[in-house]
N, C-alpha and C. Protein backbone atom coordinates (compact mmCIF):
# COMPACT_ATOMS: atom_id res chain seq x y z
N MET A 1 16.50 29.13 55.24
CA MET A 1 18.30 28.80 54.91
C MET A 1 17.32 27.86 53.66
N PHE A 2 16.93 27.01 54.55
CA PHE A 2 15.87 25.60 53.93
C PHE A 2 14.88 25.61 53.65
N ARG A 3 14.54 27.05 52.69
CA ARG A 3 13.91 27.62 51.59
C ARG A 3 14.08 27.38 50.75
N ARG A 4 15.57 28.77 50.69
CA ARG A 4 16.47 28.91 50.25
C ARG A 4 16.81 27.53 48.85
N ALA A 5 17.57 26.91 50.07
CA ALA A 5 18.62 25.32 49.22
C ALA A 5 16.84 24.68 48.53
N PHE A 6 15.94 24.21 48.82
CA PHE A 6 14.19 23.84 48.06
C PHE A 6 14.24 24.55 47.27
N TRP A 7 14.18 26.43 46.93
CA TRP A 7 13.60 26.10 46.53
C TRP A 7 14.86 26.12 44.92
N PHE A 8 15.67 26.21 45.15
CA PHE A 8 17.57 26.48 44.34
C PHE A 8 17.78 25.37 44.29
N THR A 9 17.54 24.24 44.32
CA THR A 9 17.01 22.69 43.81
C THR A 9 16.15 22.17 42.62
N ALA A 10 14.99 23.06 43.27
CA ALA A 10 13.86 22.47 42.42
C ALA A 10 13.77 23.77 41.50
N GLY A 11 14.03 24.57 41.03
CA GLY A 11 15.16 25.55 39.96
C GLY A 11 16.58 24.56 39.29
N ALA A 12 16.39 24.06 39.54
CA ALA A 12 17.80 23.47 38.57
C ALA A 12 17.48 21.81 38.21
N ALA A 13 16.42 21.52 38.99
CA ALA A 13 15.67 20.41 37.93
C ALA A 13 14.93 20.73 37.14
N ALA A 14 14.27 22.03 37.12
CA ALA A 14 12.95 21.89 36.11
C ALA A 14 14.14 22.00 35.48
N GLY A 15 15.47 23.84 35.34
CA GLY A 15 15.87 24.25 34.41
C GLY A 15 17.03 21.88 33.06
N VAL A 16 17.60 20.83 34.44
CA VAL A 16 17.71 19.69 33.63
C VAL A 16 16.59 19.59 33.05
N TRP A 17 15.01 19.66 34.08
CA TRP A 17 14.66 18.56 32.57
C TRP A 17 13.79 19.10 30.91
N ALA A 18 13.70 20.52 31.50
CA ALA A 18 14.03 21.07 30.36
C ALA A 18 14.59 20.87 29.16
N THR A 19 15.70 21.47 29.32
CA THR A 19 17.64 21.08 28.83
C THR A 19 17.32 19.80 28.39
N ASN A 20 16.76 18.90 28.93
CA ASN A 20 16.37 17.18 27.65
C ASN A 20 15.76 17.17 27.50
N LYS A 21 14.35 17.80 27.80
CA LYS A 21 13.03 17.87 26.57
C LYS A 21 13.94 18.82 26.01
N VAL A 22 14.11 19.86 25.73
CA VAL A 22 13.63 21.00 24.21
C VAL A 22 15.14 20.11 23.24
N HIS A 23 16.27 18.49 24.00
CA HIS A 23 17.20 17.80 23.48
C HIS A 23 16.71 17.47 22.75
N GLN A 24 16.10 16.98 23.52
CA GLN A 24 14.87 15.07 22.77
C GLN A 24 14.29 15.75 21.93
N LYS A 25 13.52 17.44 21.57
CA LYS A 25 13.04 17.96 20.27
C LYS A 25 13.30 17.96 19.70
N ILE A 26 14.87 19.02 18.98
CA ILE A 26 15.97 18.72 18.78
C ILE A 26 16.57 17.99 18.16
N ARG A 27 17.07 17.00 18.47
CA ARG A 27 16.81 15.33 18.40
C ARG A 27 15.67 15.05 16.94
N SER A 28 14.55 14.74 17.35
CA SER A 28 13.45 14.04 17.05
C SER A 28 13.38 14.99 15.58
N LEU A 29 14.05 16.43 15.56
CA LEU A 29 13.53 17.00 13.68
C LEU A 29 14.63 16.45 12.77
N THR A 30 15.18 16.01 13.68
CA THR A 30 16.65 16.07 12.43
C THR A 30 16.66 15.03 11.02
N PRO A 31 16.70 15.13 9.77
CA PRO A 31 15.73 14.87 9.00
C PRO A 31 16.47 13.07 9.24
N GLU A 32 18.12 12.41 9.68
CA GLU A 32 17.31 11.06 9.75
C GLU A 32 16.59 10.41 10.41
N SER A 33 15.99 11.47 11.29
CA SER A 33 14.87 11.18 12.69
C SER A 33 13.67 10.93 11.72
N LEU A 34 13.56 11.80 10.87
CA LEU A 34 12.20 12.22 10.34
C LEU A 34 11.84 11.45 8.59
N ALA A 35 13.59 11.13 9.05
CA ALA A 35 13.03 9.55 7.79
C ALA A 35 13.09 8.60 8.04
N ALA A 36 12.87 8.19 8.73
CA ALA A 36 12.99 7.57 10.05
C ALA A 36 11.65 6.85 10.17
N ARG A 37 10.96 8.37 10.20
CA ARG A 37 9.14 8.02 11.35
C ARG A 37 8.66 8.16 9.53
N ALA A 38 9.12 8.42 9.37
CA ALA A 38 7.95 8.67 7.98
C ALA A 38 8.36 6.96 7.17
N ALA A 39 9.58 6.29 6.79
CA ALA A 39 9.43 5.17 6.77
C ALA A 39 8.72 4.25 7.31
N ASP A 40 8.70 4.43 9.23
CA ASP A 40 7.79 3.52 9.99
C ASP A 40 6.58 3.96 10.00
N ARG A 41 6.09 4.81 8.88
CA ARG A 41 4.22 5.45 8.81
C ARG A 41 4.43 4.09 7.11
N ALA A 42 4.62 4.64 6.80
CA ALA A 42 5.25 3.72 4.69
C ALA A 42 4.90 2.57 4.65
N VAL A 43 5.65 1.36 6.17
CA VAL A 43 5.43 -0.01 5.91
C VAL A 43 4.34 0.22 7.27
N GLU A 44 3.66 0.31 8.25
CA GLU A 44 2.61 0.60 9.51
C GLU A 44 1.16 0.27 7.85
N THR A 45 1.21 1.17 7.07
CA THR A 45 0.31 1.79 5.68
C THR A 45 0.09 1.13 5.02
N GLY A 46 1.20 0.39 5.11
CA GLY A 46 1.15 -0.47 3.63
C GLY A 46 0.36 -1.87 4.90
N HIS A 47 1.63 -2.69 5.61
CA HIS A 47 0.48 -3.16 5.90
C HIS A 47 -1.01 -2.81 6.79
N ARG A 48 -1.30 -2.04 6.66
CA ARG A 48 -2.71 -2.17 6.82
C ARG A 48 -3.49 -2.06 5.63
N LEU A 49 -3.23 -1.32 3.84
CA LEU A 49 -4.22 -1.79 3.05
C LEU A 49 -4.42 -2.89 2.72
N ARG A 50 -2.68 -3.59 3.00
CA ARG A 50 -3.02 -5.36 2.57
C ARG A 50 -4.02 -6.47 3.60
N GLU A 51 -4.36 -5.73 4.86
CA GLU A 51 -5.14 -5.98 5.66
C GLU A 51 -6.36 -5.47 5.43
N PHE A 52 -6.94 -4.83 4.34
CA PHE A 52 -7.69 -4.27 4.13
C PHE A 52 -8.35 -5.13 2.06
N ALA A 53 -6.95 -4.91 2.39
CA ALA A 53 -7.51 -5.94 1.07
C ALA A 53 -7.57 -7.22 1.37
N LEU A 54 -6.77 -7.83 2.00
CA LEU A 54 -7.46 -9.13 2.32
C LEU A 54 -8.74 -9.82 2.89
N ASP A 55 -9.51 -8.17 3.92
CA ASP A 55 -11.07 -8.28 4.79
C ASP A 55 -11.91 -8.21 3.28
N VAL A 56 -11.70 -7.24 1.67
CA VAL A 56 -11.93 -7.28 0.73
C VAL A 56 -12.12 -8.40 -0.37
N ARG A 57 -11.43 -9.16 -0.19
CA ARG A 57 -11.51 -10.73 -1.00
C ARG A 57 -11.71 -11.35 -0.72
N ALA A 58 -11.74 -11.83 1.28
CA ALA A 58 -12.61 -12.64 1.41
C ALA A 58 -14.20 -11.67 1.80
N GLY A 59 -14.60 -11.22 1.72
CA GLY A 59 -15.75 -10.41 1.82
C GLY A 59 -16.45 -11.27 0.01
N MET A 60 -15.44 -10.92 -1.26
CA MET A 60 -16.27 -10.84 -2.17
C MET A 60 -15.62 -12.45 -2.32
N VAL A 61 -14.92 -13.35 -1.24
CA VAL A 61 -15.76 -14.70 -1.50
C VAL A 61 -16.62 -14.86 -1.20
N GLN A 62 -17.25 -14.80 0.29
CA GLN A 62 -18.04 -14.86 0.73
C GLN A 62 -19.32 -14.71 0.37
N ARG A 63 -19.40 -13.46 -0.32
CA ARG A 63 -20.50 -12.96 -1.81
C ARG A 63 -20.46 -13.66 -3.11
N GLU A 64 -19.84 -14.13 -3.18
CA GLU A 64 -20.43 -14.77 -4.22
C GLU A 64 -20.41 -16.32 -3.79
N GLU A 65 -20.22 -17.18 -2.85
CA GLU A 65 -20.54 -18.15 -2.64
C GLU A 65 -21.76 -18.40 -2.08
N GLU A 66 -21.99 -16.86 -1.38
CA GLU A 66 -23.97 -16.81 -1.21
C GLU A 66 -24.47 -16.36 -2.36
N LEU A 67 -24.20 -15.44 -3.77
CA LEU A 67 -24.89 -15.86 -4.48
C LEU A 67 -24.87 -16.95 -5.24
N ASN A 68 -24.12 -18.10 -4.90
CA ASN A 68 -24.20 -19.27 -6.51
C ASN A 68 -25.33 -19.91 -5.32
N ASP A 69 -25.32 -20.43 -4.21
CA ASP A 69 -26.09 -20.70 -3.01
C ASP A 69 -27.80 -20.78 -3.62
N ALA A 70 -27.93 -18.89 -3.82
CA ALA A 70 -28.63 -18.71 -4.24
C ALA A 70 -29.71 -18.51 -5.12
N LEU A 71 -27.76 -18.69 -6.23
CA LEU A 71 -29.04 -19.01 -7.96
C LEU A 71 -28.54 -20.37 -8.24
N GLY A 72 -28.62 -21.10 -7.41
CA GLY A 72 -28.32 -22.22 -7.22
C GLY A 72 -27.00 -23.14 -7.67
N ILE A 73 -26.21 -22.15 -8.17
CA ILE A 73 -24.96 -23.22 -9.13
C ILE A 73 -24.46 -23.45 -7.95
N SER A 74 -23.18 -24.71 -8.58
CA SER A 74 -22.41 -25.40 -8.00
C SER A 74 -21.04 -24.95 -7.56
N ALA A 75 -20.45 -25.18 -7.12
CA ALA A 75 -19.20 -24.51 -6.95
C ALA A 75 -18.15 -25.44 -7.15
N ASP A 76 -18.15 -26.84 -8.09
CA ASP A 76 -17.06 -26.73 -8.79
C ASP A 76 -16.30 -26.63 -9.39
N PRO A 77 -14.81 -27.27 -9.13
CA PRO A 77 -13.20 -26.30 -10.02
C PRO A 77 -13.61 -26.27 -10.98
N ASP A 78 -13.72 -27.49 -11.10
CA ASP A 78 -13.84 -27.15 -12.73
C ASP A 78 -14.81 -27.22 -13.66
N GLU A 79 -15.56 -27.10 -13.28
CA GLU A 79 -16.93 -25.79 -13.66
C GLU A 79 -16.63 -24.48 -13.77
N ALA A 80 -16.64 -24.16 -12.21
CA ALA A 80 -15.61 -22.55 -12.22
C ALA A 80 -15.16 -22.19 -13.58
N ALA A 81 -14.43 -23.22 -12.81
CA ALA A 81 -12.80 -23.11 -14.23
C ALA A 81 -13.74 -22.76 -15.83
N ALA A 82 -14.34 -23.27 -16.24
CA ALA A 82 -15.16 -23.36 -18.19
C ALA A 82 -15.37 -22.04 -17.35
N HIS A 83 -16.03 -21.85 -17.03
CA HIS A 83 -16.31 -19.25 -16.70
C HIS A 83 -15.53 -18.59 -16.90
N ARG A 84 -14.29 -19.23 -16.68
CA ARG A 84 -13.35 -17.90 -16.95
C ARG A 84 -13.12 -17.66 -18.01
N LEU A 85 -12.63 -16.35 -17.79
CA LEU A 85 -12.56 -15.85 -18.98
C LEU A 85 -11.09 -15.61 -18.97
N PRO A 86 -10.78 -15.99 -20.73
CA PRO A 86 -9.01 -16.38 -19.63
C PRO A 86 -7.84 -15.49 -20.08
N ALA A 87 -7.17 -14.94 -19.89
CA ALA A 87 -6.13 -14.63 -19.43
C ALA A 87 -5.82 -13.76 -20.58
N PRO A 88 -5.10 -12.03 -19.79
CA PRO A 88 -4.96 -11.60 -20.85
C PRO A 88 -3.94 -11.74 -22.21
N ARG A 89 -3.71 -11.84 -22.96
CA ARG A 89 -2.52 -11.36 -23.91
C ARG A 89 -1.46 -10.46 -23.32
N ASP A 90 -0.31 -10.86 -23.31
CA ASP A 90 0.78 -9.73 -23.43
C ASP A 90 1.47 -9.43 -24.29
N ARG A 91 0.82 -7.86 -24.94
CA ARG A 91 0.42 -7.58 -26.03
C ARG A 91 2.47 -7.17 -26.50
N ARG A 92 3.53 -7.56 -26.37
CA ARG A 92 4.51 -6.89 -26.49
C ARG A 92 5.41 -8.45 -26.66
N ARG A 93 4.69 -9.62 -26.98
CA ARG A 93 4.86 -11.15 -27.42
C ARG A 93 4.70 -11.82 -28.77
N ILE A 94 3.69 -11.18 -28.91
CA ILE A 94 2.67 -10.33 -30.02
C ILE A 94 3.19 -9.61 -31.28
N ALA A 95 3.84 -10.80 -32.85
CA ALA A 95 4.17 -9.42 -33.96
C ALA A 95 2.94 -9.14 -34.65
N PRO A 96 3.39 -8.06 -35.15
CA PRO A 96 1.85 -7.55 -35.05
C PRO A 96 1.65 -7.96 -37.13
N GLY A 97 0.55 -8.42 -37.41
CA GLY A 97 -0.13 -9.01 -38.31
C GLY A 97 -0.47 -8.34 -39.35
N PRO A 98 -0.77 -8.93 -40.59
CA PRO A 98 -0.39 -7.67 -41.20
C PRO A 98 -1.07 -6.54 -42.07
N ASN A 99 -2.83 -6.18 -41.29
CA ASN A 99 -3.06 -5.32 -40.84
C ASN A 99 -3.35 -4.43 -39.86
N THR A 100 -1.89 -4.19 -39.54
CA THR A 100 -1.56 -3.10 -38.78
C THR A 100 -1.07 -2.01 -38.78
N ILE A 101 -2.12 -0.37 -37.84
CA ILE A 101 -2.08 0.21 -38.27
C ILE A 101 -1.04 1.10 -37.87
N HIS A 102 -0.38 1.93 -38.62
CA HIS A 102 1.22 2.50 -38.83
C HIS A 102 0.34 3.83 -37.36
N SER A 103 1.24 4.04 -36.07
CA SER A 103 0.77 4.64 -35.45
C SER A 103 0.81 6.08 -35.42
N SER A 104 1.73 6.41 -36.56
CA SER A 104 2.15 7.75 -36.51
C SER A 104 0.71 8.24 -38.05
N THR A 105 0.98 7.05 -39.29
CA THR A 105 -0.32 8.11 -40.19
C THR A 105 -1.74 7.87 -40.02
N GLY A 106 -1.57 6.43 -39.12
CA GLY A 106 -2.93 5.85 -38.98
C GLY A 106 -3.90 5.08 -40.25
N ARG A 107 -2.87 4.64 -41.05
CA ARG A 107 -3.20 3.45 -42.54
C ARG A 107 -2.94 2.68 -41.94
N PRO A 108 -3.24 1.79 -42.71
CA PRO A 108 -2.28 0.81 -42.23
C PRO A 108 -1.27 0.00 -43.32
N GLU A 109 -0.45 -0.62 -42.71
CA GLU A 109 1.51 -0.67 -42.85
C GLU A 109 0.89 -1.89 -43.55
N LYS A 110 2.15 -2.05 -45.05
CA LYS A 110 2.60 -2.82 -45.20
C LYS A 110 3.48 -3.68 -45.55
N ARG A 111 2.95 -4.77 -44.99
CA ARG A 111 4.80 -5.78 -44.65
C ARG A 111 4.70 -6.71 -45.81
N ASP A 112 5.87 -7.11 -45.84
CA ASP A 112 6.03 -8.71 -47.09
C ASP A 112 6.15 -9.61 -45.58
N HIS A 113 5.59 -10.57 -45.89
CA HIS A 113 5.60 -11.26 -45.01
C HIS A 113 6.57 -12.99 -46.08
């Protein structure tokens, strides 16, 4: 009698456990759950990429300092700014000049100024 009660209880507990596992799996495969998981992974990937970019930038600064030391170049900020290239111009703000090439014909445009 006790054996039967033990096995009946063990079977019922196993059934409840298996049912809960199946319901958890079904809930984890709903579209909302999958979207939330994908969003979390995208955010995590973004954080990893940001950390990588910061590490690369720090390595670039360190290597630039090593090269400057090896070449005997001073790290004076005013002098470094003088050797930098100017910032690129925003082409949308620049008015076309008199020698502008027309995009469709490939010939110079004639403009009255």
